[in-house]
C-alpha atoms as a PDB file:
ATOM      1  CA  ILE A   1     -79.803 109.790 197.715  1.00  0.00           C
ATOM      2  CA  ASP A   2     -81.687 108.356 200.687  1.00  0.00           C
ATOM      3  CA  LEU A   3     -81.270 111.640 202.549  1.00  0.00           C
ATOM      4  CA  HIS A   4     -82.631 113.550 199.549  1.00  0.00           C
ATOM      5  CA  LYS A   5     -85.614 111.183 199.342  1.00  0.00           C
ATOM      6  CA  LEU A   6     -86.459 111.723 203.003  1.00  0.00           C
ATOM      7  CA  MET A   7     -86.206 115.493 202.697  1.00  0.00           C
ATOM      8  CA  ALA A   8     -88.354 115.441 199.541  1.00  0.00           C
ATOM      9  CA  PHE A   9     -90.987 113.343 201.328  1.00  0.00           C
ATOM     10  CA  ASP A  10     -91.005 115.783 204.235  1.00  0.00           C
ATOM     11  CA  SER A  11     -91.409 118.806 201.941  1.00  0.00           C
ATOM     12  CA  ALA A  12     -94.110 117.222 199.776  1.00  0.00           C
ATOM     13  CA  PHE A  13     -96.082 115.259 202.390  1.00  0.00           C
ATOM     14  CA  ARG A  14     -95.115 115.333 206.061  1.00  0.00           C
ATOM     15  CA  GLU A  15     -94.633 119.054 206.705  1.00  0.00           C
ATOM     16  CA  PRO A  16     -97.512 120.307 204.484  1.00  0.00           C
ATOM     17  CA  THR A  17     -99.806 117.861 206.297  1.00  0.00           C
ATOM     18  CA  THR A  18     -98.576 119.110 209.665  1.00  0.00           C
ATOM     19  CA  ALA A  19     -99.022 122.748 208.620  1.00  0.00           C
ATOM     20  CA  TYR A  20    -102.541 121.959 207.392  1.00  0.00           C
ATOM     21  CA  TYR A  21    -103.613 120.254 210.639  1.00  0.00           C
ATOM     22  CA  ILE A  22    -102.138 123.020 212.815  1.00  0.00           C
ATOM     23  CA  ASP A  23    -104.006 125.573 210.702  1.00  0.00           C
ATOM     24  CA  GLN A  24    -107.212 123.619 211.333  1.00  0.00           C
ATOM     25  CA  ASN A  25    -106.503 123.555 215.100  1.00  0.00           C
ATOM     26  CA  ARG A  26    -106.066 119.767 215.039  1.00  0.00           C
ATOM     27  CA  VAL A  27    -102.827 119.873 217.003  1.00  0.00           C
ATOM     28  CA  GLY A  28    -102.936 116.162 217.896  1.00  0.00           C
ATOM     29  CA  TYR A  29    -103.254 114.970 214.309  1.00  0.00           C
ATOM     30  CA  PRO A  30     -99.614 115.394 213.157  1.00  0.00           C
ATOM     31  CA  LYS A  31     -98.534 112.533 215.450  1.00  0.00           C
ATOM     32  CA  TYR A  32    -101.074 110.309 213.692  1.00  0.00           C
ATOM     33  CA  PHE A  33     -99.227 111.014 210.446  1.00  0.00           C
ATOM     34  CA  THR A  34     -96.041 109.549 211.934  1.00  0.00           C
ATOM     35  CA  ASN A  35     -97.868 106.545 213.379  1.00  0.00           C
ATOM     36  CA  HIS A  36    -100.265 105.813 210.526  1.00  0.00           C
ATOM     37  CA  GLY A  37    -100.568 108.405 207.744  1.00  0.00           C
ATOM     38  CA  LEU A  38     -97.109 107.999 206.272  1.00  0.00           C
ATOM     39  CA  ASN A  39     -97.786 104.284 205.631  1.00  0.00           C
ATOM     40  CA  TRP A  40    -100.541 105.187 203.169  1.00  0.00           C
ATOM     41  CA  TRP A  41     -98.428 107.726 201.281  1.00  0.00           C
ATOM     42  CA  LEU A  42     -95.285 105.547 201.193  1.00  0.00           C
ATOM     43  CA  ALA A  43     -97.269 102.612 199.805  1.00  0.00           C
ATOM     44  CA  SER A  44     -98.872 104.808 197.138  1.00  0.00           C
ATOM     45  CA  ILE A  45     -95.533 106.304 196.089  1.00  0.00           C
ATOM     46  CA  MET A  46     -94.081 102.823 195.789  1.00  0.00           C
ATOM     47  CA  SER A  47     -96.992 101.525 193.709  1.00  0.00           C
ATOM     48  CA  THR A  48     -97.229 104.489 191.324  1.00  0.00           C
ATOM     49  CA  LEU A  49     -93.631 105.697 190.938  1.00  0.00           C
ATOM     50  CA  GLY A  50     -91.808 102.540 191.925  1.00  0.00           C
ATOM     51  CA  MET A  51     -89.803 104.675 194.371  1.00  0.00           C
ATOM     52  CA  GLN A  52     -88.833 103.074 197.648  1.00  0.00           C
ATOM     53  CA  LEU A  53     -87.899 105.434 200.441  1.00  0.00           C
ATOM     54  CA  PRO A  54     -85.667 104.503 203.390  1.00  0.00           C
ATOM     55  CA  LEU A  55     -88.918 104.255 205.389  1.00  0.00           C
ATOM     56  CA  LEU A  56     -90.803 100.996 204.857  1.00  0.00           C
ATOM     57  CA  PRO A  57     -94.630 101.214 205.005  1.00  0.00           C
ATOM     58  CA  LEU A  58     -96.735  98.950 207.162  1.00  0.00           C
ATOM     59  CA  LEU A  59     -99.034  97.716 204.419  1.00  0.00           C
ATOM     60  CA  ASN A  60    -101.660  96.117 206.685  1.00  0.00           C
ATOM     61  CA  ASP A  61    -102.038  99.163 208.977  1.00  0.00           C
ATOM     62  CA  THR A  62    -105.708  99.659 209.817  1.00  0.00           C
ATOM     63  CA  GLY A  63    -105.317 103.163 211.257  1.00  0.00           C
ATOM     64  CA  SER A  64    -105.854 105.968 208.767  1.00  0.00           C
ATOM     65  CA  GLY A  65    -105.297 108.909 211.116  1.00  0.00           C
ATOM     66  CA  GLY A  66    -103.141 111.618 209.601  1.00  0.00           C
ATOM     67  CA  THR A  67    -104.100 110.683 206.044  1.00  0.00           C
ATOM     68  CA  CYS A  68    -105.845 113.533 204.294  1.00  0.00           C
ATOM     69  CA  ALA A  69    -106.130 115.126 200.860  1.00  0.00           C
ATOM     70  CA  PHE A  70    -104.268 118.176 202.134  1.00  0.00           C
ATOM     71  CA  TRP A  71    -103.139 119.527 198.734  1.00  0.00           C
ATOM     72  CA  HIS A  72    -106.797 119.752 197.694  1.00  0.00           C
ATOM     73  CA  ALA A  73    -107.707 122.072 200.557  1.00  0.00           C
ATOM     74  CA  PRO A  74    -108.351 125.731 199.593  1.00  0.00           C
ATOM     75  CA  ASN A  75    -105.377 128.084 199.241  1.00  0.00           C
ATOM     76  CA  THR A  76    -102.696 125.419 199.767  1.00  0.00           C
ATOM     77  CA  ASN A  77    -100.802 126.892 196.816  1.00  0.00           C
ATOM     78  CA  LYS A  78     -99.452 129.293 199.435  1.00  0.00           C
ATOM     79  CA  LEU A  79     -97.945 126.306 201.208  1.00  0.00           C
ATOM     80  CA  TRP A  80     -96.434 124.901 198.036  1.00  0.00           C
ATOM     81  CA  ALA A  81     -94.959 128.259 197.042  1.00  0.00           C
ATOM     82  CA  GLU A  82     -92.833 128.078 200.208  1.00  0.00           C
ATOM     83  CA  PHE A  83     -92.065 124.359 200.396  1.00  0.00           C
ATOM     84  CA  LYS A  84     -90.780 124.174 196.811  1.00  0.00           C
ATOM     85  CA  LYS A  85     -88.108 126.824 197.389  1.00  0.00           C
ATOM     86  CA  PRO A  86     -84.584 125.353 197.535  1.00  0.00           C
ATOM     87  CA  GLU A  87     -83.805 127.193 200.757  1.00  0.00           C
ATOM     88  CA  ASN A  88     -86.804 125.527 202.465  1.00  0.00           C
ATOM     89  CA  PHE A  89     -86.033 121.997 201.279  1.00  0.00           C
ATOM     90  CA  GLY A  90     -86.569 119.518 204.108  1.00  0.00           C
ATOM     91  CA  ARG A  91     -87.291 122.233 206.673  1.00  0.00           C
ATOM     92  CA  LYS A  92     -89.961 121.986 209.341  1.00  0.00           C
ATOM     93  CA  PHE A  93     -92.921 124.183 208.455  1.00  0.00           C
ATOM     94  CA  HIS A  94     -92.584 126.263 211.633  1.00  0.00           C
ATOM     95  CA  ALA A  95     -88.990 127.094 210.631  1.00  0.00           C
ATOM     96  CA  ILE A  96     -90.224 128.801 207.439  1.00  0.00           C
ATOM     97  CA  PRO A  97     -90.854 132.497 208.266  1.00  0.00           C
ATOM     98  CA  ALA A  98     -93.582 133.034 205.640  1.00  0.00           C
ATOM     99  CA  LEU A  99     -95.724 130.230 207.101  1.00  0.00           C
ATOM    100  CA  LYS A 100     -95.582 131.644 210.612  1.00  0.00           C
ATOM    101  CA  ARG A 101     -97.519 134.710 209.520  1.00  0.00           C
ATOM    102  CA  LEU A 102    -100.505 132.883 208.019  1.00  0.00           C
ATOM    103  CA  PRO A 103    -103.779 133.512 209.896  1.00  0.00           C
ATOM    104  CA  ARG A 104    -105.833 130.650 211.314  1.00  0.00           C
ATOM    105  CA  ASN A 105    -108.064 128.750 208.855  1.00  0.00           C
ATOM    106  CA  SER A 106    -106.031 129.950 205.876  1.00  0.00           C
ATOM    107  CA  PHE A 107    -106.860 126.657 204.149  1.00  0.00           C
ATOM    108  CA  GLY A 108    -110.599 126.493 204.681  1.00  0.00           C
ATOM    109  CA  ARG A 109    -112.648 124.967 207.486  1.00  0.00           C
ATOM    110  CA  LYS A 110    -113.400 121.538 206.050  1.00  0.00           C
ATOM    111  CA  ILE A 111    -111.164 118.729 207.292  1.00  0.00           C
ATOM    112  CA  MET A 112    -110.015 116.840 204.209  1.00  0.00           C
ATOM    113  CA  SER A 113    -109.643 113.058 204.378  1.00  0.00           C
ATOM    114  CA  GLN A 114    -108.510 110.200 202.165  1.00  0.00           C
ATOM    115  CA  ASN A 115    -112.130 109.795 201.112  1.00  0.00           C
ATOM    116  CA  ASP A 116    -111.722 113.011 199.139  1.00  0.00           C
ATOM    117  CA  PHE A 117    -109.864 110.794 196.653  1.00  0.00           C
ATOM    118  CA  PHE A 118    -112.394 107.959 196.447  1.00  0.00           C
ATOM    119  CA  GLY A 119    -115.663 109.488 197.679  1.00  0.00           C
ATOM    120  CA  ARG A 120    -117.372 107.155 200.159  1.00  0.00           C
ATOM    121  CA  LYS A 121    -115.413 104.121 198.970  1.00  0.00           C
ATOM    122  CA  PHE A 122    -113.153 103.783 202.024  1.00  0.00           C
ATOM    123  CA  GLN A 123    -109.869 101.888 201.611  1.00  0.00           C
ATOM    124  CA  PRO A 124    -109.189  99.652 204.655  1.00  0.00           C
ATOM    125  CA  SER A 125    -105.366  99.551 204.491  1.00  0.00           C
ATOM    126  CA  PRO A 126    -102.327 101.177 202.820  1.00  0.00           C
ATOM    127  CA  LEU A 127    -102.070  98.153 200.533  1.00  0.00           C
ATOM    128  CA  ASN A 128    -105.656  98.635 199.315  1.00  0.00           C
ATOM    129  CA  PHE A 129    -105.091 102.376 199.052  1.00  0.00           C
ATOM    130  CA  ALA A 130    -101.961 101.926 196.908  1.00  0.00           C
ATOM    131  CA  THR A 131    -103.592  99.289 194.705  1.00  0.00           C
ATOM    132  CA  ALA A 132    -106.655 101.484 194.197  1.00  0.00           C
ATOM    133  CA  MET A 133    -104.407 104.286 192.921  1.00  0.00           C
ATOM    134  CA  LEU A 134    -103.493 102.040 189.996  1.00  0.00           C
ATOM    135  CA  SER A 135    -106.928 100.619 189.260  1.00  0.00           C
ATOM    136  CA  GLU A 136    -109.326 103.471 190.008  1.00  0.00           C
ATOM    137  CA  SER A 137    -110.811 105.868 187.455  1.00  0.00           C
ATOM    138  CA  ASN A 138    -108.866 108.592 185.687  1.00  0.00           C
ATOM    139  CA  HIS A 139    -110.591 111.068 187.977  1.00  0.00           C
ATOM    140  CA  VAL A 140    -108.881 109.543 191.032  1.00  0.00           C
ATOM    141  CA  LYS A 141    -105.526 109.276 189.234  1.00  0.00           C
ATOM    142  CA  LYS A 142    -105.749 112.914 188.207  1.00  0.00           C
ATOM    143  CA  LYS A 143    -106.277 113.922 191.831  1.00  0.00           C
ATOM    144  CA  PHE A 144    -103.306 111.902 193.064  1.00  0.00           C
ATOM    145  CA  ALA A 145    -101.116 113.133 190.187  1.00  0.00           C
ATOM    146  CA  LEU A 146    -100.850 116.504 191.929  1.00  0.00           C
ATOM    147  CA  TYR A 147     -99.187 114.852 194.940  1.00  0.00           C
ATOM    148  CA  LEU A 148     -96.746 112.914 192.777  1.00  0.00           C
ATOM    149  CA  GLU A 149     -95.886 115.994 190.696  1.00  0.00           C
ATOM    150  CA  ARG A 150     -94.974 117.921 193.828  1.00  0.00           C
ATOM    151  CA  LEU A 151     -92.799 115.092 195.096  1.00  0.00           C
ATOM    152  CA  CYS A 152     -91.118 114.757 191.685  1.00  0.00           C
ATOM    153  CA  HIS A 153     -90.345 118.483 191.632  1.00  0.00           C
ATOM    154  CA  PHE A 154     -87.490 117.727 194.024  1.00  0.00           C
ATOM    155  CA  PHE A 155     -86.028 115.201 191.568  1.00  0.00           C
ATOM    156  CA  THR A 156     -85.826 117.441 188.506  1.00  0.00           C
ATOM    157  CA  LYS A 157     -82.340 117.937 187.066  1.00  0.00           C
ATOM    158  CA  GLU A 158     -82.115 121.562 188.181  1.00  0.00           C
ATOM    159  CA  PHE A 159     -83.215 120.886 191.759  1.00  0.00           C
ATOM    160  CA  PHE A 160     -81.666 117.485 192.454  1.00  0.00           C
ATOM    161  CA  CYS A 161     -78.230 118.108 190.925  1.00  0.00           C
ATOM    162  CA  ALA A 162     -77.815 121.473 192.651  1.00  0.00           C
ATOM    163  CA  LYS A 163     -78.751 120.040 196.049  1.00  0.00           C
ATOM    164  CA  ALA A 164     -76.775 116.825 195.591  1.00  0.00           C
ATOM    165  CA  ILE A 165     -73.456 118.487 194.720  1.00  0.00           C
ATOM    166  CA  ALA A 166     -73.875 121.166 197.401  1.00  0.00           C
ATOM    167  CA  VAL A 167     -74.382 118.499 200.080  1.00  0.00           C
ATOM    168  CA  LEU A 168     -71.717 116.080 198.827  1.00  0.00           C
ATOM    169  CA  MET A 169     -69.020 118.769 198.719  1.00  0.00           C
ATOM    170  CA  GLN A 170     -69.597 119.495 202.425  1.00  0.00           C
ATOM    171  CA  GLU A 171     -67.045 116.884 203.407  1.00  0.00           C
ATOM    172  CA  ASN A 172     -66.212 117.587 207.044  1.00  0.00           C
ATOM    173  CA  ALA A 173     -66.395 116.109 210.516  1.00  0.00           C
ATOM    174  CA  ASP A 174     -69.998 117.293 210.908  1.00  0.00           C
ATOM    175  CA  ASN A 175     -71.029 115.038 207.998  1.00  0.00           C
ATOM    176  CA  PRO A 176     -69.185 111.726 208.591  1.00  0.00           C
ATOM    177  CA  GLN A 177     -71.311 109.956 205.982  1.00  0.00           C
ATOM    178  CA  LEU A 178     -69.800 112.242 203.327  1.00  0.00           C
ATOM    179  CA  LEU A 179     -66.160 111.674 204.247  1.00  0.00           C
ATOM    180  CA  GLY A 180     -64.187 110.311 201.307  1.00  0.00           C
ATOM    181  CA  PHE A 181     -66.431 111.783 198.605  1.00  0.00           C
ATOM    182  CA  ARG A 182     -63.738 113.968 197.054  1.00  0.00           C
ATOM    183  CA  GLY A 183     -61.237 111.114 197.038  1.00  0.00           C
ATOM    184  CA  CYS A 184     -63.749 108.842 195.313  1.00  0.00           C
ATOM    185  CA  MET A 185     -64.626 111.578 192.845  1.00  0.00           C
ATOM    186  CA  ARG A 186     -60.963 112.030 191.870  1.00  0.00           C
ATOM    187  CA  VAL A 187     -60.833 108.385 190.804  1.00  0.00           C
ATOM    188  CA  ILE A 188     -64.200 108.525 189.022  1.00  0.00           C
ATOM    189  CA  PHE A 189     -63.409 111.815 187.285  1.00  0.00           C
ATOM    190  CA  ALA A 190     -60.055 110.516 185.986  1.00  0.00           C
ATOM    191  CA  GLU A 191     -61.921 107.690 184.248  1.00  0.00           C
ATOM    192  CA  TYR A 192     -64.738 109.970 183.103  1.00  0.00           C
ATOM    193  CA  ARG A 193     -62.268 112.541 181.740  1.00  0.00           C
ATOM    194  CA  THR A 194     -60.519 109.912 179.633  1.00  0.00           C
ATOM    195  CA  LYS A 195     -63.701 108.427 178.198  1.00  0.00           C
ATOM    196  CA  GLU A 196     -65.502 111.716 177.563  1.00  0.00           C
ATOM    197  CA  GLY A 197     -62.510 113.742 176.347  1.00  0.00           C
ATOM    198  CA  VAL A 198     -62.820 116.438 179.016  1.00  0.00           C
ATOM    199  CA  LYS A 199     -60.179 119.214 179.008  1.00  0.00           C
ATOM    200  CA  GLU A 200     -60.444 120.179 182.671  1.00  0.00           C
ATOM    201  CA  GLU A 201     -57.950 118.372 184.894  1.00  0.00           C
ATOM    202  CA  THR A 202     -59.906 118.228 188.157  1.00  0.00           C
ATOM    203  CA  PHE A 203     -63.472 117.579 189.185  1.00  0.00           C
ATOM    204  CA  GLN A 204     -63.789 121.039 190.751  1.00  0.00           C
ATOM    205  CA  GLU A 205     -62.663 122.757 187.545  1.00  0.00           C
ATOM    206  CA  TYR A 206     -65.140 120.727 185.542  1.00  0.00           C
ATOM    207  CA  VAL A 207     -68.290 121.322 187.586  1.00  0.00           C
ATOM    208  CA  TYR A 208     -67.940 125.064 188.206  1.00  0.00           C
ATOM    209  CA  ASP A 209     -69.559 127.401 185.694  1.00  0.00           C
ATOM    210  CA  GLU A 210     -67.717 129.880 183.495  1.00  0.00           C
ATOM    211  CA  GLU A 211     -67.450 132.538 186.201  1.00  0.00           C
ATOM    212  CA  ASN A 212     -66.319 130.138 188.945  1.00  0.00           C
ATOM    213  CA  SER A 213     -69.186 131.311 191.140  1.00  0.00           C
ATOM    214  CA  ARG A 214     -71.636 128.396 191.061  1.00  0.00           C
ATOM    215  CA  TYR A 215     -71.999 124.839 189.839  1.00  0.00           C
ATOM    216  CA  ASP A 216     -72.657 123.996 186.203  1.00  0.00           C
ATOM    217  CA  ILE A 217     -75.782 121.870 186.650  1.00  0.00           C
ATOM    218  CA  ASP A 218     -75.479 120.133 183.266  1.00  0.00           C
ATOM    219  CA  ARG A 219     -71.936 118.993 184.042  1.00  0.00           C
ATOM    220  CA  VAL A 220     -72.926 117.849 187.526  1.00  0.00           C
ATOM    221  CA  ASN A 221     -75.773 115.923 185.902  1.00  0.00           C
ATOM    222  CA  ASN A 222     -73.351 114.215 183.514  1.00  0.00           C
ATOM    223  CA  ILE A 223     -71.069 113.092 186.351  1.00  0.00           C
ATOM    224  CA  LEU A 224     -74.062 111.698 188.247  1.00  0.00           C
ATOM    225  CA  TRP A 225     -75.278 110.091 185.025  1.00  0.00           C
ATOM    226  CA  TYR A 226     -71.885 108.432 184.584  1.00  0.00           C
ATOM    227  CA  VAL A 227     -72.152 106.727 187.986  1.00  0.00           C
ATOM    228  CA  GLY A 228     -75.769 105.702 187.322  1.00  0.00           C
ATOM    229  CA  ILE A 229     -77.664 108.192 189.489  1.00  0.00           C
ATOM    230  CA  THR A 230     -79.357 110.457 186.937  1.00  0.00           C
ATOM    231  CA  LYS A 231     -81.237 109.215 183.884  1.00  0.00           C
ATOM    232  CA  ASP A 232     -80.142 111.320 180.905  1.00  0.00           C
ATOM    233  CA  LYS A 233     -76.876 112.835 179.730  1.00  0.00           C
ATOM    234  CA  VAL A 234     -76.697 116.461 178.572  1.00  0.00           C
ATOM    235  CA  ASP A 235     -74.816 117.169 175.332  1.00  0.00           C
ATOM    236  CA  ILE A 236     -72.366 119.847 176.492  1.00  0.00           C
ATOM    237  CA  LYS A 237     -71.053 120.540 172.972  1.00  0.00           C
ATOM    238  CA  GLU A 238     -74.562 121.106 171.659  1.00  0.00           C
ATOM    239  CA  ARG A 239     -75.250 123.420 174.594  1.00  0.00           C
ATOM    240  CA  LYS A 240     -72.130 125.463 173.849  1.00  0.00           C
ATOM    241  CA  GLN A 241     -73.101 125.792 170.183  1.00  0.00           C
ATOM    242  CA  ALA A 242     -76.571 126.983 171.185  1.00  0.00           C
ATOM    243  CA  ARG A 243     -75.058 129.570 173.519  1.00  0.00           C
ATOM    244  CA  ARG A 244     -72.679 130.824 170.843  1.00  0.00           C
ATOM    245  CA  GLN A 245     -75.537 131.157 168.383  1.00  0.00           C
ATOM    246  CA  SER A 246     -77.558 133.012 170.995  1.00  0.00           C
ATOM    247  CA  THR A 247     -74.619 135.319 171.649  1.00  0.00           C
ATOM    248  CA  LYS A 248     -74.281 136.165 167.972  1.00  0.00           C
ATOM    249  CA  GLN A 249     -77.954 137.014 167.746  1.00  0.00           C
ATOM    250  CA  SER A 250     -78.647 138.817 171.006  1.00  0.00           C
ATOM    251  CA  VAL A 251     -75.545 139.869 172.942  1.00  0.00           C
ATOM    252  CA  LYS A 252     -74.767 143.562 172.708  1.00  0.00           C
ATOM    253  CA  ARG A 253     -71.237 144.645 173.477  1.00  0.00           C
ATOM    254  CA  SER A 254     -71.125 147.072 176.364  1.00  0.00           C
ATOM    255  CA  GLY A 255     -67.447 148.053 175.919  1.00  0.00           C
ATOM    256  CA  TYR A 256     -64.426 146.724 177.808  1.00  0.00           C
ATOM    257  CA  LYS A 257     -62.839 149.287 180.116  1.00  0.00           C
ATOM    258  CA  GLY A 258     -60.197 147.154 181.840  1.00  0.00           C
ATOM    259  CA  SER A 259     -56.462 146.733 181.405  1.00  0.00           C
ATOM    260  CA  LYS A 260     -55.245 146.024 177.861  1.00  0.00           C
ATOM    261  CA  GLU A 261     -52.392 143.950 179.291  1.00  0.00           C
ATOM    262  CA  LEU A 262     -54.902 141.772 181.158  1.00  0.00           C
ATOM    263  CA  LEU A 263     -57.121 141.384 178.092  1.00  0.00           C
ATOM    264  CA  THR A 264     -54.147 140.412 175.905  1.00  0.00           C
ATOM    265  CA  GLU A 265     -53.089 137.738 178.399  1.00  0.00           C
ATOM    266  CA  VAL A 266     -56.649 136.421 178.714  1.00  0.00           C
ATOM    267  CA  GLU A 267     -57.106 136.251 174.936  1.00  0.00           C
ATOM    268  CA  LYS A 268     -53.883 134.262 174.708  1.00  0.00           C
ATOM    269  CA  LEU A 269     -55.050 131.794 177.373  1.00  0.00           C
ATOM    270  CA  VAL A 270     -58.504 131.483 175.768  1.00  0.00           C
ATOM    271  CA  SER A 271     -56.911 130.675 172.405  1.00  0.00           C
ATOM    272  CA  GLU A 272     -54.885 127.943 174.143  1.00  0.00           C
ATOM    273  CA  GLY A 273     -58.115 126.371 175.362  1.00  0.00           C
ATOM    274  CA  LYS A 274     -57.579 127.088 179.066  1.00  0.00           C
ATOM    275  CA  SER A 275     -60.543 126.786 181.407  1.00  0.00           C
ATOM    276  CA  GLN A 276     -62.030 129.706 183.329  1.00  0.00           C
ATOM    277  CA  ILE A 277     -60.389 128.585 186.580  1.00  0.00           C
ATOM    278  CA  GLN A 278     -56.984 128.129 184.931  1.00  0.00           C
ATOM    279  CA  ILE A 279     -57.201 131.638 183.423  1.00  0.00           C
ATOM    280  CA  PHE A 280     -58.228 133.072 186.776  1.00  0.00           C
ATOM    281  CA  HIS A 281     -55.282 131.524 188.643  1.00  0.00           C
ATOM    282  CA  ALA A 282     -52.786 132.412 185.899  1.00  0.00           C
ATOM    283  CA  CYS A 283     -53.812 136.088 185.888  1.00  0.00           C
ATOM    284  CA  ARG A 284     -53.999 136.300 189.665  1.00  0.00           C
ATOM    285  CA  GLY A 285     -50.533 134.786 189.883  1.00  0.00           C
ATOM    286  CA  LYS A 286     -49.186 137.546 187.619  1.00  0.00           C
ATOM    287  CA  LYS A 287     -51.186 140.162 189.575  1.00  0.00           C
ATOM    288  CA  LEU A 288     -52.860 141.467 186.412  1.00  0.00           C
ATOM    289  CA  GLY A 289     -56.152 142.317 188.061  1.00  0.00           C
ATOM    290  CA  THR A 290     -58.860 141.466 190.590  1.00  0.00           C
ATOM    291  CA  GLY A 291     -61.266 138.559 190.218  1.00  0.00           C
ATOM    292  CA  VAL A 292     -64.001 140.833 188.856  1.00  0.00           C
ATOM    293  CA  GLU A 293     -61.597 142.392 186.324  1.00  0.00           C
ATOM    294  CA  ILE A 294     -60.333 138.988 185.194  1.00  0.00           C
ATOM    295  CA  PHE A 295     -63.832 137.628 184.570  1.00  0.00           C
ATOM    296  CA  ALA A 296     -64.770 140.818 182.730  1.00  0.00           C
ATOM    297  CA  ALA A 297     -61.736 140.263 180.496  1.00  0.00           C
ATOM    298  CA  VAL A 298     -62.727 136.618 179.975  1.00  0.00           C
ATOM    299  CA  ARG A 299     -66.227 137.655 178.858  1.00  0.00           C
ATOM    300  CA  GLU A 300     -64.738 140.213 176.469  1.00  0.00           C
ATOM    301  CA  ALA A 301     -62.241 137.690 175.070  1.00  0.00           C
ATOM    302  CA  ASN A 302     -64.991 135.122 174.520  1.00  0.00           C
ATOM    303  CA  PHE A 303     -67.156 137.760 172.865  1.00  0.00           C
ATOM    304  CA  ARG A 304     -64.389 138.713 170.449  1.00  0.00           C
ATOM    305  CA  LYS A 305     -63.629 135.065 169.730  1.00  0.00           C
ATOM    306  CA  THR A 306     -67.310 134.380 168.972  1.00  0.00           C
ATOM    307  CA  LYS A 307     -67.575 137.472 166.801  1.00  0.00           C
ATOM    308  CA  THR A 308     -64.586 136.441 164.681  1.00  0.00           C
END
């Protein structure tokens, strides 16, 4: 979680600020962000969201260099369009190809500052800056809301759960801090499976989607909710009912052209309540078809089951 927080802070504050200063030909300013500017943002995030990052702000810092209202500069939506992409999460701005091609002064010629929040009412320290965010007018809060919204984008269910599970499953010698995750998850999932009445026997079977090609974000969210990381639980049964209803109303049958023997076996396994992964391994073990053919048969079997 701490790693995700740091990467989110970089993508919402540090790297956009750096990109903005480089665009304005203020090449020395990014180092001021590291020395001073981040204190002001960290304090404000803590006061407004109650979120504490692994970096602790120096609340009585009197240097304000590197603090600017960068998201209010012209055309910075181009920056955000790149930084919010999952593949660019936590990346340095100069490592993002689309940002290398931007011409100089793409974001206007005026150097934004923290005074663009408060007018001429200068805040002498990060502590005053953070406190003012809570007590100032709605106009100031509305301006700062944009910065918080962009930070919070990286903590939405769809973004956070996808990134969290992808990183945690990379248990290898290159990520020593992740060693032991799968062992811990086996213990946690055994308890979760009993309490929640889950059919799948392993954590991997549970979190993969129906086609075994990517993670089921709602199920990942529920596991993280169970251990106290995410806030809300998703009702999987209600989601399945909604999907079935949607299928009845909108899915058009395209016609199954695969093996009848494979389809018969898949329909049998579906009726027994087997998961997608169990069906896949059972059919592959009997050499009834390729992975693509098996999943096509699973879709057809589910369609026929829903129709009946």
